[in-house]
Amino acid sequence: MKVVVLQSGGLDSLVVLAGAIKHSHEVFTVRIDLNSRQSDRESSAAQAQREFYDLGATTHSEVSLDLPWFDTH
């Protein structure tokens, strides 16, 4: 089964990622960048999680959202 995991770099998405891999699903990850203060840290954590589980770049997409009404800085 193919599974898409919305990855934030946090503990919740890590648990979902680990569970999907444990159950032998074909995993694809998506990370949404909201250009917040924590964005670099979250991106690094998400990348480290993918590297830990040996998920290549072909199984990951990153989407940037510019929400000017949602000032996160």
N, C-alpha and C. Protein backbone atom coordinates (compact mmCIF):
# COMPACT_ATOMS: atom_id res chain seq x y z
N MET A 1 0.84 -1.17 0.00
CA MET A 1 0.00 0.00 0.00
C MET A 1 0.89 1.24 0.00
N LYS A 2 0.51 2.25 -0.75
CA LYS A 2 1.23 3.52 -0.76
C LYS A 2 0.63 4.44 0.29
N VAL A 3 1.51 5.12 1.04
CA VAL A 3 1.08 5.99 2.12
C VAL A 3 1.79 7.34 1.98
N VAL A 4 1.03 8.42 2.17
CA VAL A 4 1.61 9.76 2.20
C VAL A 4 1.60 10.25 3.64
N VAL A 5 2.78 10.65 4.13
CA VAL A 5 2.90 11.16 5.49
C VAL A 5 3.19 12.65 5.40
N LEU A 6 2.32 13.45 6.00
CA LEU A 6 2.55 14.89 6.09
C LEU A 6 3.55 15.08 7.23
N GLN A 7 4.74 15.52 6.88
CA GLN A 7 5.86 15.53 7.81
C GLN A 7 6.19 16.95 8.27
N SER A 8 6.16 17.16 9.59
CA SER A 8 6.50 18.46 10.14
C SER A 8 7.91 18.50 10.69
N GLY A 9 8.46 17.35 10.98
CA GLY A 9 9.74 17.28 11.66
C GLY A 9 9.57 17.04 13.14
N GLY A 10 8.32 17.03 13.60
CA GLY A 10 8.02 16.84 15.02
C GLY A 10 7.77 15.38 15.37
N LEU A 11 7.50 15.16 16.64
CA LEU A 11 7.32 13.81 17.17
C LEU A 11 6.10 13.10 16.59
N ASP A 12 4.99 13.82 16.44
CA ASP A 12 3.76 13.18 15.94
C ASP A 12 3.96 12.61 14.53
N SER A 13 4.52 13.41 13.64
CA SER A 13 4.70 12.91 12.28
C SER A 13 5.79 11.83 12.23
N LEU A 14 6.76 11.87 13.14
CA LEU A 14 7.77 10.82 13.21
C LEU A 14 7.13 9.49 13.59
N VAL A 15 6.20 9.50 14.54
CA VAL A 15 5.52 8.27 14.96
C VAL A 15 4.71 7.70 13.79
N VAL A 16 4.01 8.56 13.05
CA VAL A 16 3.24 8.10 11.89
C VAL A 16 4.18 7.53 10.83
N LEU A 17 5.30 8.21 10.58
CA LEU A 17 6.28 7.73 9.60
C LEU A 17 6.82 6.36 10.01
N ALA A 18 7.21 6.22 11.26
CA ALA A 18 7.75 4.95 11.75
C ALA A 18 6.71 3.84 11.64
N GLY A 19 5.46 4.14 11.97
CA GLY A 19 4.40 3.13 11.87
C GLY A 19 4.16 2.68 10.44
N ALA A 20 4.17 3.63 9.51
CA ALA A 20 3.97 3.29 8.11
C ALA A 20 5.11 2.41 7.60
N ILE A 21 6.32 2.73 7.99
CA ILE A 21 7.47 1.93 7.57
C ILE A 21 7.43 0.55 8.24
N LYS A 22 7.09 0.52 9.51
CA LYS A 22 7.01 -0.76 10.24
C LYS A 22 6.02 -1.71 9.58
N HIS A 23 4.94 -1.16 9.05
CA HIS A 23 3.92 -2.00 8.41
C HIS A 23 4.19 -2.21 6.92
N SER A 24 5.43 -1.94 6.52
CA SER A 24 5.92 -2.21 5.16
C SER A 24 5.16 -1.48 4.07
N HIS A 25 4.67 -0.29 4.39
CA HIS A 25 4.01 0.51 3.36
C HIS A 25 5.06 1.24 2.53
N GLU A 26 4.71 1.52 1.30
CA GLU A 26 5.56 2.36 0.45
C GLU A 26 5.27 3.81 0.86
N VAL A 27 6.25 4.47 1.43
CA VAL A 27 6.04 5.77 2.07
C VAL A 27 6.54 6.92 1.21
N PHE A 28 5.70 7.93 1.11
CA PHE A 28 6.06 9.20 0.47
C PHE A 28 5.82 10.28 1.52
N THR A 29 6.73 11.24 1.62
CA THR A 29 6.57 12.30 2.60
C THR A 29 6.35 13.64 1.91
N VAL A 30 5.57 14.48 2.57
CA VAL A 30 5.31 15.84 2.11
C VAL A 30 5.51 16.76 3.31
N ARG A 31 6.25 17.83 3.10
CA ARG A 31 6.44 18.83 4.14
C ARG A 31 5.97 20.18 3.61
N ILE A 32 5.16 20.86 4.39
CA ILE A 32 4.66 22.18 4.00
C ILE A 32 5.45 23.23 4.77
N ASP A 33 6.13 24.10 4.03
CA ASP A 33 6.92 25.18 4.62
C ASP A 33 6.07 26.43 4.68
N LEU A 34 5.79 26.88 5.90
CA LEU A 34 4.97 28.07 6.10
C LEU A 34 5.83 29.32 6.29
N ASN A 35 7.13 29.18 6.05
CA ASN A 35 8.08 30.30 6.19
C ASN A 35 8.02 30.91 7.59
N SER A 36 7.95 30.06 8.59
CA SER A 36 7.89 30.53 9.97
C SER A 36 9.30 30.63 10.56
N ARG A 37 9.38 31.14 11.77
CA ARG A 37 10.68 31.25 12.46
C ARG A 37 11.32 29.88 12.64
N GLN A 38 10.54 28.86 12.82
CA GLN A 38 11.04 27.51 13.08
C GLN A 38 11.28 26.71 11.80
N SER A 39 11.06 27.31 10.68
CA SER A 39 11.07 26.59 9.41
C SER A 39 12.37 25.83 9.14
N ASP A 40 13.50 26.49 9.37
CA ASP A 40 14.79 25.82 9.13
C ASP A 40 14.99 24.63 10.06
N ARG A 41 14.63 24.80 11.31
CA ARG A 41 14.78 23.72 12.29
C ARG A 41 13.86 22.55 11.95
N GLU A 42 12.62 22.85 11.57
CA GLU A 42 11.67 21.80 11.20
C GLU A 42 12.13 21.05 9.96
N SER A 43 12.64 21.79 8.98
CA SER A 43 13.11 21.17 7.74
C SER A 43 14.28 20.24 8.02
N SER A 44 15.22 20.70 8.87
CA SER A 44 16.38 19.86 9.22
C SER A 44 15.96 18.60 9.96
N ALA A 45 15.01 18.74 10.88
CA ALA A 45 14.53 17.57 11.63
C ALA A 45 13.83 16.58 10.71
N ALA A 46 13.01 17.09 9.80
CA ALA A 46 12.31 16.21 8.86
C ALA A 46 13.30 15.48 7.96
N GLN A 47 14.32 16.19 7.51
CA GLN A 47 15.34 15.56 6.66
C GLN A 47 16.10 14.48 7.44
N ALA A 48 16.44 14.75 8.68
CA ALA A 48 17.14 13.76 9.50
C ALA A 48 16.28 12.50 9.69
N GLN A 49 14.98 12.69 9.86
CA GLN A 49 14.08 11.54 10.01
C GLN A 49 14.05 10.72 8.73
N ARG A 50 13.99 11.39 7.58
CA ARG A 50 13.99 10.66 6.30
C ARG A 50 15.31 9.92 6.10
N GLU A 51 16.42 10.55 6.47
CA GLU A 51 17.73 9.90 6.33
C GLU A 51 17.84 8.70 7.26
N PHE A 52 17.31 8.81 8.47
CA PHE A 52 17.33 7.70 9.42
C PHE A 52 16.64 6.48 8.83
N TYR A 53 15.52 6.69 8.15
CA TYR A 53 14.76 5.59 7.56
C TYR A 53 15.17 5.32 6.11
N ASP A 54 16.25 5.96 5.67
CA ASP A 54 16.81 5.73 4.34
C ASP A 54 15.78 5.97 3.23
N LEU A 55 15.02 7.05 3.37
CA LEU A 55 14.06 7.45 2.34
C LEU A 55 14.76 8.43 1.41
N GLY A 56 14.79 8.13 0.14
CA GLY A 56 15.48 8.99 -0.82
C GLY A 56 14.68 10.23 -1.17
N ALA A 57 15.33 11.12 -1.89
CA ALA A 57 14.71 12.38 -2.30
C ALA A 57 13.52 12.15 -3.23
N THR A 58 13.49 11.04 -3.93
CA THR A 58 12.39 10.78 -4.87
C THR A 58 11.08 10.47 -4.15
N THR A 59 11.15 10.21 -2.85
CA THR A 59 9.93 9.91 -2.09
C THR A 59 9.46 11.10 -1.26
N HIS A 60 10.03 12.29 -1.52
CA HIS A 60 9.71 13.47 -0.71
C HIS A 60 9.38 14.67 -1.58
N SER A 61 8.39 15.43 -1.15
CA SER A 61 8.06 16.70 -1.80
C SER A 61 7.97 17.77 -0.72
N GLU A 62 8.37 18.97 -1.08
CA GLU A 62 8.26 20.10 -0.17
C GLU A 62 7.48 21.19 -0.86
N VAL A 63 6.50 21.73 -0.15
CA VAL A 63 5.63 22.76 -0.69
C VAL A 63 5.78 24.01 0.17
N SER A 64 6.01 25.14 -0.47
CA SER A 64 6.07 26.41 0.26
C SER A 64 4.74 27.14 0.10
N LEU A 65 4.21 27.59 1.21
CA LEU A 65 2.98 28.36 1.19
C LEU A 65 3.27 29.77 1.70
N ASP A 66 2.90 30.74 0.91
CA ASP A 66 3.04 32.12 1.33
C ASP A 66 1.66 32.61 1.76
N LEU A 67 1.50 32.75 3.06
CA LEU A 67 0.22 33.18 3.62
C LEU A 67 0.44 34.55 4.27
N PRO A 68 0.34 35.63 3.51
CA PRO A 68 0.65 36.95 4.06
C PRO A 68 -0.25 37.34 5.23
N TRP A 69 -1.44 36.82 5.29
CA TRP A 69 -2.35 37.13 6.38
C TRP A 69 -2.01 36.36 7.65
N PHE A 70 -1.12 35.37 7.51
CA PHE A 70 -0.70 34.54 8.62
C PHE A 70 0.75 34.86 8.94
N ASP A 71 0.99 35.99 9.59
CA ASP A 71 2.34 36.47 9.86
C ASP A 71 2.98 35.61 10.94
N THR A 72 3.95 34.78 10.56
CA THR A 72 4.60 33.87 11.51
C THR A 72 5.97 34.37 11.93
N HIS A 73 6.36 35.56 11.53
CA HIS A 73 7.67 36.08 11.92
C HIS A 73 7.56 37.04 13.07
